[in-house]
Amino acid sequence: MTTDVHQLDDGAWVSVNDSREVNVSNLWLLARSDFCGCEPTDFLAEGFVEVGVDYPNVEARMAGRCIACGTEGVTDWLQVGRVIDPETGEFYGIDPDSVHVPDKRRRLARPQE
C-alpha cells in the first residue's frame, strides 16, 4: 500500500493518508543540530516546508526559530511519525516534547504532487 503524505493549509499540517496528523504549533527540542549555536535548540515550528517518506518514517523539514537566540530558518529532516501497518496505513505521530536529532540525508521517497 502507498502512503499518501501532503502539506495542508499553507504548511500548517502534515496529512497522512488524507488525515491531518501533525501540526506545526509545537516547540521541538533539537539535539546535535546545525540550526543555531544553542545546544539543545528550542525550536518553535512555524510551518512545514517539505514532507517525505523514508518508510516507515514520515519526515519533514520545518521553518521556524530558536526561542533562545532568535535564529530563523529551516531544519534538516525530522521524523514526525511512523506508518505502523502498510496495509491499513495506520500512523503514529511522535511526541514533539521529546528530544529530536535532525538528519541531513535526502529522502528517497517523495509525495506525489
PDB file of N, CA and C in Angstrom:
ATOM      1  N   MET A   1       0.844  -1.188   0.000  1.00  0.00           N
ATOM      2  CA  MET A   1       0.000   0.000   0.000  1.00  0.00           C
ATOM      3  C   MET A   1       0.887   1.248   0.000  1.00  0.00           C
ATOM      4  N   THR A   2       0.477   2.265  -0.704  1.00  0.00           N
ATOM      5  CA  THR A   2       1.198   3.525  -0.774  1.00  0.00           C
ATOM      6  C   THR A   2       0.753   4.441   0.354  1.00  0.00           C
ATOM      7  N   THR A   3       1.718   5.141   0.960  1.00  0.00           N
ATOM      8  CA  THR A   3       1.400   6.122   1.991  1.00  0.00           C
ATOM      9  C   THR A   3       1.341   7.493   1.341  1.00  0.00           C
ATOM     10  N   ASP A   4       0.213   8.178   1.462  1.00  0.00           N
ATOM     11  CA  ASP A   4      -0.018   9.482   0.856  1.00  0.00           C
ATOM     12  C   ASP A   4       0.305  10.563   1.892  1.00  0.00           C
ATOM     13  N   VAL A   5       1.321  11.378   1.620  1.00  0.00           N
ATOM     14  CA  VAL A   5       1.760  12.415   2.560  1.00  0.00           C
ATOM     15  C   VAL A   5       1.738  13.766   1.856  1.00  0.00           C
ATOM     16  N   HIS A   6       1.088  14.762   2.500  1.00  0.00           N
ATOM     17  CA  HIS A   6       0.988  16.109   1.927  1.00  0.00           C
ATOM     18  C   HIS A   6       1.086  17.165   3.024  1.00  0.00           C
ATOM     19  N   GLN A   7       1.385  18.383   2.593  1.00  0.00           N
ATOM     20  CA  GLN A   7       1.265  19.551   3.465  1.00  0.00           C
ATOM     21  C   GLN A   7      -0.121  20.147   3.224  1.00  0.00           C
ATOM     22  N   LEU A   8      -0.763  20.619   4.279  1.00  0.00           N
ATOM     23  CA  LEU A   8      -2.074  21.265   4.155  1.00  0.00           C
ATOM     24  C   LEU A   8      -2.040  22.640   4.790  1.00  0.00           C
ATOM     25  N   ASP A   9      -2.980  23.478   4.385  1.00  0.00           N
ATOM     26  CA  ASP A   9      -3.186  24.806   4.986  1.00  0.00           C
ATOM     27  C   ASP A   9      -1.899  25.615   5.042  1.00  0.00           C
ATOM     28  N   ASP A  10      -1.272  25.785   3.887  1.00  0.00           N
ATOM     29  CA  ASP A  10      -0.044  26.577   3.769  1.00  0.00           C
ATOM     30  C   ASP A  10       1.051  26.103   4.711  1.00  0.00           C
ATOM     31  N   GLY A  11       1.185  24.798   4.872  1.00  0.00           N
ATOM     32  CA  GLY A  11       2.249  24.228   5.690  1.00  0.00           C
ATOM     33  C   GLY A  11       1.930  24.103   7.166  1.00  0.00           C
ATOM     34  N   ALA A  12       0.670  24.291   7.540  1.00  0.00           N
ATOM     35  CA  ALA A  12       0.299  24.207   8.958  1.00  0.00           C
ATOM     36  C   ALA A  12       0.122  22.763   9.436  1.00  0.00           C
ATOM     37  N   TRP A  13      -0.139  21.846   8.526  1.00  0.00           N
ATOM     38  CA  TRP A  13      -0.404  20.451   8.879  1.00  0.00           C
ATOM     39  C   TRP A  13       0.324  19.512   7.940  1.00  0.00           C
ATOM     40  N   VAL A  14       0.655  18.320   8.454  1.00  0.00           N
ATOM     41  CA  VAL A  14       1.068  17.196   7.619  1.00  0.00           C
ATOM     42  C   VAL A  14      -0.109  16.239   7.596  1.00  0.00           C
ATOM     43  N   SER A  15      -0.546  15.906   6.386  1.00  0.00           N
ATOM     44  CA  SER A  15      -1.627  14.957   6.185  1.00  0.00           C
ATOM     45  C   SER A  15      -1.022  13.619   5.784  1.00  0.00           C
ATOM     46  N   VAL A  16      -1.448  12.552   6.452  1.00  0.00           N
ATOM     47  CA  VAL A  16      -1.021  11.200   6.121  1.00  0.00           C
ATOM     48  C   VAL A  16      -2.275  10.408   5.758  1.00  0.00           C
ATOM     49  N   ASN A  17      -2.307   9.924   4.522  1.00  0.00           N
ATOM     50  CA  ASN A  17      -3.460   9.175   4.026  1.00  0.00           C
ATOM     51  C   ASN A  17      -4.773   9.941   4.246  1.00  0.00           C
ATOM     52  N   ASP A  18      -4.757  11.224   3.856  1.00  0.00           N
ATOM     53  CA  ASP A  18      -5.921  12.115   3.905  1.00  0.00           C
ATOM     54  C   ASP A  18      -6.447  12.381   5.311  1.00  0.00           C
ATOM     55  N   SER A  19      -5.565  12.303   6.308  1.00  0.00           N
ATOM     56  CA  SER A  19      -5.935  12.620   7.688  1.00  0.00           C
ATOM     57  C   SER A  19      -4.913  13.604   8.258  1.00  0.00           C
ATOM     58  N   ARG A  20      -5.388  14.719   8.812  1.00  0.00           N
ATOM     59  CA  ARG A  20      -4.483  15.691   9.434  1.00  0.00           C
ATOM     60  C   ARG A  20      -3.880  15.049  10.671  1.00  0.00           C
ATOM     61  N   GLU A  21      -2.554  14.905  10.655  1.00  0.00           N
ATOM     62  CA  GLU A  21      -1.898  14.163  11.732  1.00  0.00           C
ATOM     63  C   GLU A  21      -0.964  15.002  12.587  1.00  0.00           C
ATOM     64  N   VAL A  22      -0.210  15.918  12.000  1.00  0.00           N
ATOM     65  CA  VAL A  22       0.814  16.664  12.744  1.00  0.00           C
ATOM     66  C   VAL A  22       0.666  18.142  12.424  1.00  0.00           C
ATOM     67  N   ASN A  23       0.562  18.990  13.464  1.00  0.00           N
ATOM     68  CA  ASN A  23       0.518  20.435  13.214  1.00  0.00           C
ATOM     69  C   ASN A  23       1.833  21.075  13.644  1.00  0.00           C
ATOM     70  N   VAL A  24       2.024  22.332  13.279  1.00  0.00           N
ATOM     71  CA  VAL A  24       3.320  22.970  13.496  1.00  0.00           C
ATOM     72  C   VAL A  24       3.441  23.770  14.783  1.00  0.00           C
ATOM     73  N   SER A  25       2.383  23.998  15.476  1.00  0.00           N
ATOM     74  CA  SER A  25       2.438  24.910  16.616  1.00  0.00           C
ATOM     75  C   SER A  25       3.040  24.261  17.860  1.00  0.00           C
ATOM     76  N   ASN A  26       4.163  23.613  17.685  1.00  0.00           N
ATOM     77  CA  ASN A  26       4.831  22.954  18.804  1.00  0.00           C
ATOM     78  C   ASN A  26       6.253  23.460  18.951  1.00  0.00           C
ATOM     79  N   LEU A  27       6.776  23.322  20.150  1.00  0.00           N
ATOM     80  CA  LEU A  27       8.172  23.591  20.431  1.00  0.00           C
ATOM     81  C   LEU A  27       8.908  22.257  20.360  1.00  0.00           C
ATOM     82  N   TRP A  28       9.956  22.190  19.531  1.00  0.00           N
ATOM     83  CA  TRP A  28      10.742  20.974  19.335  1.00  0.00           C
ATOM     84  C   TRP A  28      12.111  21.175  19.952  1.00  0.00           C
ATOM     85  N   LEU A  29      12.559  20.219  20.732  1.00  0.00           N
ATOM     86  CA  LEU A  29      13.892  20.258  21.322  1.00  0.00           C
ATOM     87  C   LEU A  29      14.831  19.503  20.387  1.00  0.00           C
ATOM     88  N   LEU A  30      15.771  20.234  19.769  1.00  0.00           N
ATOM     89  CA  LEU A  30      16.678  19.644  18.792  1.00  0.00           C
ATOM     90  C   LEU A  30      18.071  19.478  19.394  1.00  0.00           C
ATOM     91  N   ALA A  31      18.600  18.272  19.309  1.00  0.00           N
ATOM     92  CA  ALA A  31      19.954  17.977  19.788  1.00  0.00           C
ATOM     93  C   ALA A  31      20.867  17.779  18.583  1.00  0.00           C
ATOM     94  N   ARG A  32      22.134  18.106  18.746  1.00  0.00           N
ATOM     95  CA  ARG A  32      23.136  17.942  17.677  1.00  0.00           C
ATOM     96  C   ARG A  32      22.655  18.555  16.367  1.00  0.00           C
ATOM     97  N   SER A  33      22.096  19.750  16.465  1.00  0.00           N
ATOM     98  CA  SER A  33      21.534  20.434  15.311  1.00  0.00           C
ATOM     99  C   SER A  33      22.492  21.504  14.804  1.00  0.00           C
ATOM    100  N   ASP A  34      22.511  21.695  13.503  1.00  0.00           N
ATOM    101  CA  ASP A  34      23.271  22.788  12.901  1.00  0.00           C
ATOM    102  C   ASP A  34      22.409  24.036  12.738  1.00  0.00           C
ATOM    103  N   PHE A  35      21.205  24.038  13.287  1.00  0.00           N
ATOM    104  CA  PHE A  35      20.271  25.140  13.088  1.00  0.00           C
ATOM    105  C   PHE A  35      20.813  26.456  13.655  1.00  0.00           C
ATOM    106  N   CYS A  36      21.369  26.391  14.863  1.00  0.00           N
ATOM    107  CA  CYS A  36      21.957  27.567  15.505  1.00  0.00           C
ATOM    108  C   CYS A  36      23.007  27.081  16.496  1.00  0.00           C
ATOM    109  N   GLY A  37      23.610  27.992  17.232  1.00  0.00           N
ATOM    110  CA  GLY A  37      24.655  27.616  18.179  1.00  0.00           C
ATOM    111  C   GLY A  37      24.152  27.118  19.522  1.00  0.00           C
ATOM    112  N   CYS A  38      22.850  27.158  19.747  1.00  0.00           N
ATOM    113  CA  CYS A  38      22.298  26.709  21.029  1.00  0.00           C
ATOM    114  C   CYS A  38      22.297  25.184  21.097  1.00  0.00           C
ATOM    115  N   GLU A  39      22.639  24.656  22.260  1.00  0.00           N
ATOM    116  CA  GLU A  39      22.625  23.195  22.435  1.00  0.00           C
ATOM    117  C   GLU A  39      21.986  22.870  23.774  1.00  0.00           C
ATOM    118  N   PRO A  40      20.811  22.305  23.788  1.00  0.00           N
ATOM    119  CA  PRO A  40      19.983  21.986  22.631  1.00  0.00           C
ATOM    120  C   PRO A  40      19.263  23.225  22.105  1.00  0.00           C
ATOM    121  N   THR A  41      18.674  23.102  20.923  1.00  0.00           N
ATOM    122  CA  THR A  41      17.915  24.197  20.306  1.00  0.00           C
ATOM    123  C   THR A  41      16.450  24.059  20.676  1.00  0.00           C
ATOM    124  N   ASP A  42      15.869  25.114  21.234  1.00  0.00           N
ATOM    125  CA  ASP A  42      14.426  25.170  21.494  1.00  0.00           C
ATOM    126  C   ASP A  42      13.789  25.778  20.250  1.00  0.00           C
ATOM    127  N   PHE A  43      13.311  24.919  19.357  1.00  0.00           N
ATOM    128  CA  PHE A  43      12.837  25.333  18.041  1.00  0.00           C
ATOM    129  C   PHE A  43      11.323  25.468  18.023  1.00  0.00           C
ATOM    130  N   LEU A  44      10.835  26.662  17.674  1.00  0.00           N
ATOM    131  CA  LEU A  44       9.407  26.893  17.527  1.00  0.00           C
ATOM    132  C   LEU A  44       9.055  26.691  16.058  1.00  0.00           C
ATOM    133  N   ALA A  45       8.326  25.621  15.755  1.00  0.00           N
ATOM    134  CA  ALA A  45       7.937  25.304  14.381  1.00  0.00           C
ATOM    135  C   ALA A  45       6.823  26.245  13.942  1.00  0.00           C
ATOM    136  N   GLU A  46       7.017  26.894  12.775  1.00  0.00           N
ATOM    137  CA  GLU A  46       6.038  27.840  12.253  1.00  0.00           C
ATOM    138  C   GLU A  46       5.409  27.378  10.947  1.00  0.00           C
ATOM    139  N   GLY A  47       5.985  26.373  10.294  1.00  0.00           N
ATOM    140  CA  GLY A  47       5.409  25.871   9.052  1.00  0.00           C
ATOM    141  C   GLY A  47       6.207  24.710   8.484  1.00  0.00           C
ATOM    142  N   PHE A  48       5.514  23.761   7.891  1.00  0.00           N
ATOM    143  CA  PHE A  48       6.188  22.666   7.209  1.00  0.00           C
ATOM    144  C   PHE A  48       6.607  23.152   5.831  1.00  0.00           C
ATOM    145  N   VAL A  49       7.863  22.933   5.483  1.00  0.00           N
ATOM    146  CA  VAL A  49       8.411  23.373   4.211  1.00  0.00           C
ATOM    147  C   VAL A  49       8.424  22.234   3.200  1.00  0.00           C
ATOM    148  N   GLU A  50       8.713  21.040   3.672  1.00  0.00           N
ATOM    149  CA  GLU A  50       8.835  19.873   2.801  1.00  0.00           C
ATOM    150  C   GLU A  50       8.500  18.631   3.622  1.00  0.00           C
ATOM    151  N   VAL A  51       7.810  17.690   3.006  1.00  0.00           N
ATOM    152  CA  VAL A  51       7.493  16.421   3.664  1.00  0.00           C
ATOM    153  C   VAL A  51       7.909  15.274   2.762  1.00  0.00           C
ATOM    154  N   GLY A  52       8.192  14.135   3.366  1.00  0.00           N
ATOM    155  CA  GLY A  52       8.585  12.970   2.602  1.00  0.00           C
ATOM    156  C   GLY A  52       8.463  11.713   3.443  1.00  0.00           C
ATOM    157  N   VAL A  53       8.696  10.588   2.790  1.00  0.00           N
ATOM    158  CA  VAL A  53       8.604   9.293   3.451  1.00  0.00           C
ATOM    159  C   VAL A  53       9.919   8.555   3.256  1.00  0.00           C
ATOM    160  N   ASP A  54      10.476   8.085   4.344  1.00  0.00           N
ATOM    161  CA  ASP A  54      11.600   7.159   4.344  1.00  0.00           C
ATOM    162  C   ASP A  54      11.062   5.963   5.109  1.00  0.00           C
ATOM    163  N   TYR A  55      10.253   5.154   4.406  1.00  0.00           N
ATOM    164  CA  TYR A  55       9.425   4.141   5.031  1.00  0.00           C
ATOM    165  C   TYR A  55      10.179   3.347   6.090  1.00  0.00           C
ATOM    166  N   PRO A  56       9.568   3.195   7.279  1.00  0.00           N
ATOM    167  CA  PRO A  56       8.203   3.535   7.660  1.00  0.00           C
ATOM    168  C   PRO A  56       8.049   4.947   8.230  1.00  0.00           C
ATOM    169  N   ASN A  57       9.114   5.731   8.217  1.00  0.00           N
ATOM    170  CA  ASN A  57       9.076   7.052   8.830  1.00  0.00           C
ATOM    171  C   ASN A  57       8.483   8.109   7.908  1.00  0.00           C
ATOM    172  N   VAL A  58       7.665   8.995   8.480  1.00  0.00           N
ATOM    173  CA  VAL A  58       7.191  10.188   7.806  1.00  0.00           C
ATOM    174  C   VAL A  58       8.040  11.320   8.366  1.00  0.00           C
ATOM    175  N   GLU A  59       8.662  12.098   7.483  1.00  0.00           N
ATOM    176  CA  GLU A  59       9.617  13.115   7.908  1.00  0.00           C
ATOM    177  C   GLU A  59       9.296  14.459   7.275  1.00  0.00           C
ATOM    178  N   ALA A  60       9.793  15.518   7.897  1.00  0.00           N
ATOM    179  CA  ALA A  60       9.515  16.858   7.401  1.00  0.00           C
ATOM    180  C   ALA A  60      10.673  17.798   7.718  1.00  0.00           C
ATOM    181  N   ARG A  61      10.764  18.844   6.924  1.00  0.00           N
ATOM    182  CA  ARG A  61      11.629  19.989   7.221  1.00  0.00           C
ATOM    183  C   ARG A  61      10.686  21.117   7.605  1.00  0.00           C
ATOM    184  N   MET A  62      11.036  21.861   8.662  1.00  0.00           N
ATOM    185  CA  MET A  62      10.152  22.892   9.183  1.00  0.00           C
ATOM    186  C   MET A  62      10.846  24.247   9.220  1.00  0.00           C
ATOM    187  N   ALA A  63      10.087  25.281   8.929  1.00  0.00           N
ATOM    188  CA  ALA A  63      10.558  26.654   9.096  1.00  0.00           C
ATOM    189  C   ALA A  63      10.176  27.094  10.501  1.00  0.00           C
ATOM    190  N   GLY A  64      11.047  27.906  11.109  1.00  0.00           N
ATOM    191  CA  GLY A  64      10.750  28.410  12.445  1.00  0.00           C
ATOM    192  C   GLY A  64      11.927  29.152  13.014  1.00  0.00           C
ATOM    193  N   ARG A  65      11.965  29.221  14.339  1.00  0.00           N
ATOM    194  CA  ARG A  65      13.007  29.999  15.011  1.00  0.00           C
ATOM    195  C   ARG A  65      13.393  29.374  16.339  1.00  0.00           C
ATOM    196  N   CYS A  66      14.636  29.620  16.748  1.00  0.00           N
ATOM    197  CA  CYS A  66      15.113  29.235  18.072  1.00  0.00           C
ATOM    198  C   CYS A  66      14.593  30.279  19.049  1.00  0.00           C
ATOM    199  N   ILE A  67      13.910  29.863  20.085  1.00  0.00           N
ATOM    200  CA  ILE A  67      13.356  30.839  21.026  1.00  0.00           C
ATOM    201  C   ILE A  67      14.405  31.401  21.968  1.00  0.00           C
ATOM    202  N   ALA A  68      15.589  30.774  22.038  1.00  0.00           N
ATOM    203  CA  ALA A  68      16.649  31.274  22.911  1.00  0.00           C
ATOM    204  C   ALA A  68      17.460  32.384  22.251  1.00  0.00           C
ATOM    205  N   CYS A  69      17.890  32.180  20.992  1.00  0.00           N
ATOM    206  CA  CYS A  69      18.773  33.162  20.337  1.00  0.00           C
ATOM    207  C   CYS A  69      18.100  33.925  19.203  1.00  0.00           C
ATOM    208  N   GLY A  70      16.918  33.476  18.751  1.00  0.00           N
ATOM    209  CA  GLY A  70      16.185  34.180  17.706  1.00  0.00           C
ATOM    210  C   GLY A  70      16.541  33.798  16.280  1.00  0.00           C
ATOM    211  N   THR A  71      17.479  32.868  16.092  1.00  0.00           N
ATOM    212  CA  THR A  71      17.836  32.441  14.744  1.00  0.00           C
ATOM    213  C   THR A  71      16.608  31.888  14.034  1.00  0.00           C
ATOM    214  N   GLU A  72      16.400  32.329  12.770  1.00  0.00           N
ATOM    215  CA  GLU A  72      15.293  31.849  11.953  1.00  0.00           C
ATOM    216  C   GLU A  72      15.838  31.030  10.802  1.00  0.00           C
ATOM    217  N   GLY A  73      15.073  30.019  10.370  1.00  0.00           N
ATOM    218  CA  GLY A  73      15.500  29.221   9.234  1.00  0.00           C
ATOM    219  C   GLY A  73      14.683  27.964   9.095  1.00  0.00           C
ATOM    220  N   VAL A  74      15.274  26.978   8.392  1.00  0.00           N
ATOM    221  CA  VAL A  74      14.612  25.708   8.107  1.00  0.00           C
ATOM    222  C   VAL A  74      15.459  24.573   8.679  1.00  0.00           C
ATOM    223  N   THR A  75      14.812  23.641   9.338  1.00  0.00           N
ATOM    224  CA  THR A  75      15.515  22.493   9.929  1.00  0.00           C
ATOM    225  C   THR A  75      15.945  21.510   8.846  1.00  0.00           C
ATOM    226  N   ASP A  76      16.836  20.613   9.225  1.00  0.00           N
ATOM    227  CA  ASP A  76      17.068  19.424   8.419  1.00  0.00           C
ATOM    228  C   ASP A  76      15.861  18.513   8.643  1.00  0.00           C
ATOM    229  N   TRP A  77      15.899  17.295   8.111  1.00  0.00           N
ATOM    230  CA  TRP A  77      14.771  16.373   8.208  1.00  0.00           C
ATOM    231  C   TRP A  77      14.543  15.902   9.642  1.00  0.00           C
ATOM    232  N   LEU A  78      13.286  15.935  10.077  1.00  0.00           N
ATOM    233  CA  LEU A  78      12.873  15.458  11.395  1.00  0.00           C
ATOM    234  C   LEU A  78      11.762  14.432  11.232  1.00  0.00           C
ATOM    235  N   GLN A  79      11.845  13.362  11.988  1.00  0.00           N
ATOM    236  CA  GLN A  79      10.777  12.370  11.967  1.00  0.00           C
ATOM    237  C   GLN A  79       9.573  12.941  12.689  1.00  0.00           C
ATOM    238  N   VAL A  80       8.402  12.908  12.028  1.00  0.00           N
ATOM    239  CA  VAL A  80       7.171  13.399  12.649  1.00  0.00           C
ATOM    240  C   VAL A  80       6.200  12.276  12.963  1.00  0.00           C
ATOM    241  N   GLY A  81       6.523  11.065  12.495  1.00  0.00           N
ATOM    242  CA  GLY A  81       5.668   9.926  12.784  1.00  0.00           C
ATOM    243  C   GLY A  81       6.117   8.704  12.024  1.00  0.00           C
ATOM    244  N   ARG A  82       5.307   7.655  12.160  1.00  0.00           N
ATOM    245  CA  ARG A  82       5.658   6.369  11.556  1.00  0.00           C
ATOM    246  C   ARG A  82       4.387   5.648  11.111  1.00  0.00           C
ATOM    247  N   VAL A  83       4.445   5.079   9.909  1.00  0.00           N
ATOM    248  CA  VAL A  83       3.351   4.243   9.421  1.00  0.00           C
ATOM    249  C   VAL A  83       3.598   2.841   9.971  1.00  0.00           C
ATOM    250  N   ILE A  84       2.717   2.387  10.844  1.00  0.00           N
ATOM    251  CA  ILE A  84       2.894   1.119  11.543  1.00  0.00           C
ATOM    252  C   ILE A  84       2.472  -0.073  10.688  1.00  0.00           C
ATOM    253  N   ASP A  85       1.351   0.052  10.014  1.00  0.00           N
ATOM    254  CA  ASP A  85       0.822  -1.050   9.225  1.00  0.00           C
ATOM    255  C   ASP A  85       0.673  -0.605   7.773  1.00  0.00           C
ATOM    256  N   PRO A  86       1.493  -1.132   6.863  1.00  0.00           N
ATOM    257  CA  PRO A  86       1.418  -0.696   5.468  1.00  0.00           C
ATOM    258  C   PRO A  86       0.097  -1.052   4.787  1.00  0.00           C
ATOM    259  N   GLU A  87      -0.589  -2.065   5.264  1.00  0.00           N
ATOM    260  CA  GLU A  87      -1.870  -2.459   4.657  1.00  0.00           C
ATOM    261  C   GLU A  87      -2.989  -1.476   4.995  1.00  0.00           C
ATOM    262  N   THR A  88      -3.017  -1.003   6.238  1.00  0.00           N
ATOM    263  CA  THR A  88      -4.080  -0.085   6.659  1.00  0.00           C
ATOM    264  C   THR A  88      -3.632   1.368   6.644  1.00  0.00           C
ATOM    265  N   GLY A  89      -2.321   1.615   6.577  1.00  0.00           N
ATOM    266  CA  GLY A  89      -1.802   2.970   6.631  1.00  0.00           C
ATOM    267  C   GLY A  89      -1.849   3.558   8.030  1.00  0.00           C
ATOM    268  N   GLU A  90      -1.993   2.701   9.055  1.00  0.00           N
ATOM    269  CA  GLU A  90      -2.066   3.170  10.443  1.00  0.00           C
ATOM    270  C   GLU A  90      -0.831   3.994  10.777  1.00  0.00           C
ATOM    271  N   PHE A  91      -1.049   5.205  11.324  1.00  0.00           N
ATOM    272  CA  PHE A  91       0.010   6.173  11.577  1.00  0.00           C
ATOM    273  C   PHE A  91       0.092   6.509  13.053  1.00  0.00           C
ATOM    274  N   TYR A  92       1.313   6.596  13.564  1.00  0.00           N
ATOM    275  CA  TYR A  92       1.550   7.071  14.928  1.00  0.00           C
ATOM    276  C   TYR A  92       2.474   8.273  14.864  1.00  0.00           C
ATOM    277  N   GLY A  93       1.997   9.405  15.382  1.00  0.00           N
ATOM    278  CA  GLY A  93       2.822  10.602  15.444  1.00  0.00           C
ATOM    279  C   GLY A  93       3.812  10.505  16.589  1.00  0.00           C
ATOM    280  N   ILE A  94       4.938  11.161  16.452  1.00  0.00           N
ATOM    281  CA  ILE A  94       5.932  11.182  17.524  1.00  0.00           C
ATOM    282  C   ILE A  94       5.541  12.242  18.550  1.00  0.00           C
ATOM    283  N   ASP A  95       6.188  12.210  19.689  1.00  0.00           N
ATOM    284  CA  ASP A  95       5.953  13.189  20.746  1.00  0.00           C
ATOM    285  C   ASP A  95       6.888  14.370  20.508  1.00  0.00           C
ATOM    286  N   PRO A  96       6.353  15.532  20.122  1.00  0.00           N
ATOM    287  CA  PRO A  96       7.234  16.675  19.860  1.00  0.00           C
ATOM    288  C   PRO A  96       7.970  17.163  21.112  1.00  0.00           C
ATOM    289  N   ASP A  97       7.514  16.757  22.301  1.00  0.00           N
ATOM    290  CA  ASP A  97       8.174  17.174  23.544  1.00  0.00           C
ATOM    291  C   ASP A  97       9.449  16.383  23.829  1.00  0.00           C
ATOM    292  N   SER A  98       9.690  15.300  23.100  1.00  0.00           N
ATOM    293  CA  SER A  98      10.914  14.533  23.302  1.00  0.00           C
ATOM    294  C   SER A  98      12.070  15.206  22.552  1.00  0.00           C
ATOM    295  N   VAL A  99      13.267  14.682  22.695  1.00  0.00           N
ATOM    296  CA  VAL A  99      14.450  15.250  22.033  1.00  0.00           C
ATOM    297  C   VAL A  99      14.564  14.654  20.634  1.00  0.00           C
ATOM    298  N   HIS A 100      14.841  15.511  19.642  1.00  0.00           N
ATOM    299  CA  HIS A 100      14.919  15.091  18.240  1.00  0.00           C
ATOM    300  C   HIS A 100      16.277  15.455  17.659  1.00  0.00           C
ATOM    301  N   VAL A 101      16.782  14.588  16.780  1.00  0.00           N
ATOM    302  CA  VAL A 101      18.056  14.828  16.110  1.00  0.00           C
ATOM    303  C   VAL A 101      17.781  14.965  14.615  1.00  0.00           C
ATOM    304  N   PRO A 102      17.955  16.174  14.064  1.00  0.00           N
ATOM    305  CA  PRO A 102      17.732  16.369  12.625  1.00  0.00           C
ATOM    306  C   PRO A 102      18.702  15.535  11.794  1.00  0.00           C
ATOM    307  N   ASP A 103      18.260  15.159  10.599  1.00  0.00           N
ATOM    308  CA  ASP A 103      19.034  14.320   9.698  1.00  0.00           C
ATOM    309  C   ASP A 103      19.201  15.061   8.369  1.00  0.00           C
ATOM    310  N   LYS A 104      20.434  15.196   7.894  1.00  0.00           N
ATOM    311  CA  LYS A 104      20.705  15.918   6.659  1.00  0.00           C
ATOM    312  C   LYS A 104      20.391  15.122   5.402  1.00  0.00           C
ATOM    313  N   ARG A 105      20.270  13.810   5.508  1.00  0.00           N
ATOM    314  CA  ARG A 105      20.078  12.979   4.316  1.00  0.00           C
ATOM    315  C   ARG A 105      18.816  13.351   3.555  1.00  0.00           C
ATOM    316  N   ARG A 106      18.889  13.274   2.255  1.00  0.00           N
ATOM    317  CA  ARG A 106      17.709  13.484   1.417  1.00  0.00           C
ATOM    318  C   ARG A 106      16.846  12.232   1.459  1.00  0.00           C
ATOM    319  N   ARG A 107      15.579  12.388   1.469  1.00  0.00           N
ATOM    320  CA  ARG A 107      14.643  11.261   1.496  1.00  0.00           C
ATOM    321  C   ARG A 107      14.597  10.597   0.135  1.00  0.00           C
ATOM    322  N   LEU A 108      14.377   9.295   0.133  1.00  0.00           N
ATOM    323  CA  LEU A 108      14.292   8.545  -1.112  1.00  0.00           C
ATOM    324  C   LEU A 108      12.927   8.621  -1.751  1.00  0.00           C
ATOM    325  N   ALA A 109      11.882   8.563  -0.963  1.00  0.00           N
ATOM    326  CA  ALA A 109      10.521   8.582  -1.494  1.00  0.00           C
ATOM    327  C   ALA A 109       9.931   9.959  -1.288  1.00  0.00           C
ATOM    328  N   ARG A 110       9.302  10.488  -2.281  1.00  0.00           N
ATOM    329  CA  ARG A 110       8.669  11.809  -2.215  1.00  0.00           C
ATOM    330  C   ARG A 110       7.174  11.681  -2.469  1.00  0.00           C
ATOM    331  N   PRO A 111       6.379  12.541  -1.832  1.00  0.00           N
ATOM    332  CA  PRO A 111       4.954  12.502  -2.098  1.00  0.00           C
ATOM    333  C   PRO A 111       4.671  12.941  -3.533  1.00  0.00           C
ATOM    334  N   GLN A 112       3.586  12.461  -4.090  1.00  0.00           N
ATOM    335  CA  GLN A 112       3.162  12.864  -5.428  1.00  0.00           C
ATOM    336  C   GLN A 112       2.557  14.256  -5.354  1.00  0.00           C
ATOM    337  N   GLU A 113       2.880  15.093  -6.307  1.00  0.00           N
ATOM    338  CA  GLU A 113       2.319  16.465  -6.350  1.00  0.00           C
ATOM    339  C   GLU A 113       1.004  16.460  -7.092  1.00  0.00           C
TER     340      GLU A 113
END
